Structure formats: C-alpha cells, structure tokens
Amino acid sequence: MARYLFIVSKRRPELREYLIGHFSAEEEVLVMIDRRRGERRREHVDTRIERRRGHRRWRPENDEALESIGAFMVPLEHEPVA
C-alpha cells in the first residue's frame, strides 16, 4: 500500500520518469502526473454566489511547488483511488 504520493507537473514528464525509476524498489511510493484540468464551473452559471467551500484537499503551496520545482509529495493515510 502506498504511503507517499508524488504529484508531478504535466510540464515535467521527465521528472515523473526519474521519480518512478528512483523509487522503483519502494512499494510505499506512488508517482502520478497532475490530472487537474482547470476550473470545472460552466460559464453560464451565476458566479456571484460561491457555493463551493473551496478546495478541500488542495493547498496553494502545492501549486507553487508544481510551478517552481515540478512536483510535491503528499503523505497518504490510505490507498488513493486510481
């Protein structure tokens, strides 16, 4: 069961390959490309009222790490859903 998840920027596929190779013997490490596609809200929806409570699982420092370093690590409490 993976205990650590590396999220790698879509712009850095070579970093993903490096991390996969580096952690190949580690069953506790999972490496994935960032799969987010941007804002899901449709344009015709009234955006004056924010109904969502924000990103529950995402932190701004994760975006900063993806932009500057190309990846970040998240400790997992349980197995991620693929």
N, C-alpha and C. Protein backbone atom coordinates (compact mmCIF):
# COMPACT_ATOMS: atom_id res chain seq x y z
N MET A 1 0.84 -1.18 0.00
CA MET A 1 0.00 0.00 0.00
C MET A 1 0.89 1.24 0.00
N ALA A 2 0.59 2.17 -0.89
CA ALA A 2 1.37 3.41 -0.98
C ALA A 2 1.14 4.27 0.26
N ARG A 3 2.22 4.83 0.77
CA ARG A 3 2.12 5.73 1.91
C ARG A 3 2.47 7.16 1.52
N TYR A 4 3.11 7.30 0.35
CA TYR A 4 3.52 8.62 -0.13
C TYR A 4 3.15 8.74 -1.60
N LEU A 5 2.63 9.90 -1.96
CA LEU A 5 2.23 10.17 -3.34
C LEU A 5 2.99 11.38 -3.84
N PHE A 6 3.68 11.23 -4.97
CA PHE A 6 4.31 12.36 -5.63
C PHE A 6 3.41 12.79 -6.77
N ILE A 7 3.04 14.06 -6.79
CA ILE A 7 2.29 14.65 -7.89
C ILE A 7 3.29 15.45 -8.71
N VAL A 8 3.34 15.16 -10.02
CA VAL A 8 4.32 15.79 -10.91
C VAL A 8 3.58 16.65 -11.92
N SER A 9 4.15 17.81 -12.22
CA SER A 9 3.57 18.73 -13.19
C SER A 9 3.46 18.08 -14.57
N LYS A 10 2.37 18.41 -15.28
CA LYS A 10 2.19 17.93 -16.66
C LYS A 10 3.34 18.39 -17.55
N ARG A 11 3.94 19.50 -17.18
CA ARG A 11 5.04 20.07 -17.97
C ARG A 11 6.38 19.37 -17.73
N ARG A 12 6.43 18.43 -16.77
CA ARG A 12 7.68 17.77 -16.40
C ARG A 12 7.60 16.25 -16.47
N PRO A 13 7.21 15.68 -17.62
CA PRO A 13 7.11 14.21 -17.71
C PRO A 13 8.43 13.51 -17.45
N GLU A 14 9.55 14.17 -17.76
CA GLU A 14 10.86 13.56 -17.50
C GLU A 14 11.11 13.42 -16.00
N LEU A 15 10.58 14.33 -15.21
CA LEU A 15 10.71 14.24 -13.76
C LEU A 15 9.89 13.06 -13.24
N ARG A 16 8.74 12.84 -13.81
CA ARG A 16 7.93 11.67 -13.43
C ARG A 16 8.71 10.39 -13.70
N GLU A 17 9.30 10.28 -14.87
CA GLU A 17 10.08 9.08 -15.21
C GLU A 17 11.26 8.91 -14.26
N TYR A 18 11.92 10.00 -13.91
CA TYR A 18 13.04 9.94 -12.97
C TYR A 18 12.57 9.43 -11.61
N LEU A 19 11.47 9.99 -11.10
CA LEU A 19 10.97 9.58 -9.79
C LEU A 19 10.51 8.12 -9.79
N ILE A 20 9.87 7.69 -10.86
CA ILE A 20 9.45 6.29 -10.96
C ILE A 20 10.68 5.38 -10.90
N GLY A 21 11.73 5.74 -11.64
CA GLY A 21 12.96 4.95 -11.61
C GLY A 21 13.62 4.97 -10.25
N HIS A 22 13.67 6.14 -9.64
CA HIS A 22 14.34 6.29 -8.35
C HIS A 22 13.64 5.51 -7.24
N PHE A 23 12.30 5.49 -7.27
CA PHE A 23 11.53 4.82 -6.23
C PHE A 23 10.98 3.47 -6.68
N SER A 24 11.54 2.89 -7.73
CA SER A 24 11.00 1.63 -8.26
C SER A 24 10.99 0.49 -7.24
N ALA A 25 11.94 0.48 -6.33
CA ALA A 25 12.00 -0.58 -5.32
C ALA A 25 11.15 -0.28 -4.09
N GLU A 26 10.56 0.88 -4.04
CA GLU A 26 9.77 1.30 -2.88
C GLU A 26 8.28 1.09 -3.13
N GLU A 27 7.69 0.12 -2.45
CA GLU A 27 6.26 -0.13 -2.60
C GLU A 27 5.41 0.96 -1.96
N GLU A 28 6.00 1.73 -1.08
CA GLU A 28 5.25 2.75 -0.36
C GLU A 28 5.13 4.07 -1.11
N VAL A 29 5.72 4.16 -2.31
CA VAL A 29 5.72 5.42 -3.06
C VAL A 29 4.98 5.24 -4.38
N LEU A 30 4.07 6.17 -4.66
CA LEU A 30 3.32 6.21 -5.91
C LEU A 30 3.61 7.56 -6.57
N VAL A 31 3.85 7.55 -7.87
CA VAL A 31 4.15 8.78 -8.62
C VAL A 31 3.09 8.94 -9.70
N MET A 32 2.47 10.15 -9.74
CA MET A 32 1.41 10.43 -10.71
C MET A 32 1.59 11.82 -11.32
N ILE A 33 1.11 11.98 -12.54
CA ILE A 33 1.05 13.29 -13.19
C ILE A 33 -0.19 14.03 -12.66
N ASP A 34 -0.08 15.34 -12.49
CA ASP A 34 -1.21 16.18 -12.08
C ASP A 34 -2.31 16.05 -13.12
N ARG A 35 -3.50 15.60 -12.72
CA ARG A 35 -4.59 15.35 -13.65
C ARG A 35 -5.63 16.45 -13.67
N ARG A 36 -5.41 17.49 -12.91
CA ARG A 36 -6.41 18.57 -12.89
C ARG A 36 -6.48 19.23 -14.26
N ARG A 37 -7.67 19.65 -14.64
CA ARG A 37 -7.89 20.28 -15.95
C ARG A 37 -8.29 21.73 -15.84
N GLY A 38 -8.30 22.28 -14.68
CA GLY A 38 -8.72 23.67 -14.51
C GLY A 38 -10.09 23.76 -13.89
N GLU A 39 -10.68 24.91 -13.99
CA GLU A 39 -11.98 25.18 -13.38
C GLU A 39 -13.06 24.37 -14.08
N ARG A 40 -13.93 23.72 -13.30
CA ARG A 40 -15.00 22.91 -13.86
C ARG A 40 -16.31 23.66 -13.99
N ARG A 41 -16.39 24.83 -13.42
CA ARG A 41 -17.63 25.60 -13.44
C ARG A 41 -17.96 26.04 -14.86
N ARG A 42 -19.22 25.92 -15.24
CA ARG A 42 -19.65 26.35 -16.57
C ARG A 42 -19.83 27.86 -16.60
N GLU A 43 -19.63 28.45 -17.78
CA GLU A 43 -19.66 29.91 -17.89
C GLU A 43 -21.05 30.49 -17.68
N HIS A 44 -22.11 29.77 -18.02
CA HIS A 44 -23.44 30.34 -17.91
C HIS A 44 -24.01 30.30 -16.48
N VAL A 45 -23.28 29.71 -15.56
CA VAL A 45 -23.72 29.65 -14.17
C VAL A 45 -23.47 30.99 -13.49
N ASP A 46 -24.41 31.41 -12.66
CA ASP A 46 -24.25 32.67 -11.92
C ASP A 46 -23.09 32.52 -10.95
N THR A 47 -22.02 33.27 -11.17
CA THR A 47 -20.82 33.14 -10.35
C THR A 47 -20.77 34.15 -9.21
N ARG A 48 -21.83 34.92 -9.03
CA ARG A 48 -21.83 35.89 -7.94
C ARG A 48 -21.89 35.20 -6.58
N ILE A 49 -22.48 34.01 -6.56
CA ILE A 49 -22.60 33.27 -5.29
C ILE A 49 -21.67 32.07 -5.36
N GLU A 50 -20.74 32.03 -4.46
CA GLU A 50 -19.80 30.91 -4.40
C GLU A 50 -20.44 29.81 -3.55
N ARG A 51 -20.80 28.71 -4.20
CA ARG A 51 -21.46 27.63 -3.48
C ARG A 51 -20.46 26.60 -2.96
N ARG A 52 -19.33 26.52 -3.59
CA ARG A 52 -18.33 25.56 -3.11
C ARG A 52 -17.60 26.15 -1.91
N ARG A 53 -17.07 25.30 -1.10
CA ARG A 53 -16.34 25.75 0.08
C ARG A 53 -14.85 25.83 -0.19
N GLY A 54 -14.49 25.90 -1.43
CA GLY A 54 -13.08 25.95 -1.77
C GLY A 54 -12.53 24.56 -1.97
N HIS A 55 -11.27 24.50 -2.27
CA HIS A 55 -10.62 23.22 -2.49
C HIS A 55 -10.37 22.56 -1.13
N ARG A 56 -11.04 21.48 -0.88
CA ARG A 56 -10.90 20.81 0.40
C ARG A 56 -9.56 20.11 0.55
N ARG A 57 -9.05 19.57 -0.55
CA ARG A 57 -7.83 18.78 -0.46
C ARG A 57 -6.62 19.46 -1.07
N TRP A 58 -6.80 20.61 -1.66
CA TRP A 58 -5.70 21.27 -2.37
C TRP A 58 -5.22 22.47 -1.58
N ARG A 59 -3.92 22.68 -1.59
CA ARG A 59 -3.34 23.81 -0.87
C ARG A 59 -2.56 24.67 -1.85
N PRO A 60 -2.57 25.99 -1.67
CA PRO A 60 -1.86 26.88 -2.59
C PRO A 60 -0.37 26.55 -2.71
N GLU A 61 0.25 26.10 -1.63
CA GLU A 61 1.67 25.77 -1.70
C GLU A 61 1.93 24.60 -2.64
N ASN A 62 0.93 23.75 -2.88
CA ASN A 62 1.09 22.66 -3.85
C ASN A 62 1.23 23.22 -5.26
N ASP A 63 0.41 24.22 -5.59
CA ASP A 63 0.52 24.86 -6.90
C ASP A 63 1.88 25.53 -7.06
N GLU A 64 2.35 26.17 -6.01
CA GLU A 64 3.66 26.84 -6.06
C GLU A 64 4.78 25.82 -6.27
N ALA A 65 4.71 24.68 -5.59
CA ALA A 65 5.72 23.64 -5.75
C ALA A 65 5.68 23.05 -7.15
N LEU A 66 4.49 22.84 -7.71
CA LEU A 66 4.39 22.33 -9.08
C LEU A 66 5.02 23.29 -10.06
N GLU A 67 4.79 24.57 -9.86
CA GLU A 67 5.33 25.59 -10.77
C GLU A 67 6.84 25.73 -10.64
N SER A 68 7.35 25.77 -9.42
CA SER A 68 8.78 26.04 -9.23
C SER A 68 9.65 24.78 -9.27
N ILE A 69 9.21 23.72 -8.63
CA ILE A 69 10.02 22.51 -8.53
C ILE A 69 9.60 21.47 -9.57
N GLY A 70 8.32 21.41 -9.85
CA GLY A 70 7.80 20.44 -10.81
C GLY A 70 7.08 19.28 -10.17
N ALA A 71 7.13 19.19 -8.82
CA ALA A 71 6.46 18.10 -8.12
C ALA A 71 6.35 18.43 -6.64
N PHE A 72 5.52 17.68 -5.95
CA PHE A 72 5.46 17.74 -4.49
C PHE A 72 5.01 16.39 -3.98
N MET A 73 5.25 16.13 -2.71
CA MET A 73 4.91 14.86 -2.09
C MET A 73 3.80 15.05 -1.06
N VAL A 74 2.90 14.08 -1.02
CA VAL A 74 1.80 14.09 -0.06
C VAL A 74 1.85 12.78 0.72
N PRO A 75 1.89 12.84 2.05
CA PRO A 75 1.76 11.60 2.82
C PRO A 75 0.31 11.14 2.77
N LEU A 76 0.11 9.84 2.58
CA LEU A 76 -1.24 9.29 2.46
C LEU A 76 -1.64 8.57 3.73
N GLU A 77 -2.91 8.66 4.04
CA GLU A 77 -3.46 7.92 5.17
C GLU A 77 -3.99 6.58 4.72
N HIS A 78 -4.39 6.49 3.44
CA HIS A 78 -4.93 5.26 2.89
C HIS A 78 -4.63 5.21 1.41
N GLU A 79 -4.96 4.12 0.78
CA GLU A 79 -4.69 3.90 -0.64
C GLU A 79 -5.48 4.90 -1.49
N PRO A 80 -4.82 5.62 -2.44
CA PRO A 80 -5.54 6.57 -3.30
C PRO A 80 -6.41 5.84 -4.33
N VAL A 81 -7.48 6.49 -4.75
CA VAL A 81 -8.35 5.94 -5.78
C VAL A 81 -7.75 6.26 -7.13
N ALA A 82 -7.59 5.27 -7.97
CA ALA A 82 -6.94 5.47 -9.27
C ALA A 82 -7.86 6.03 -10.30
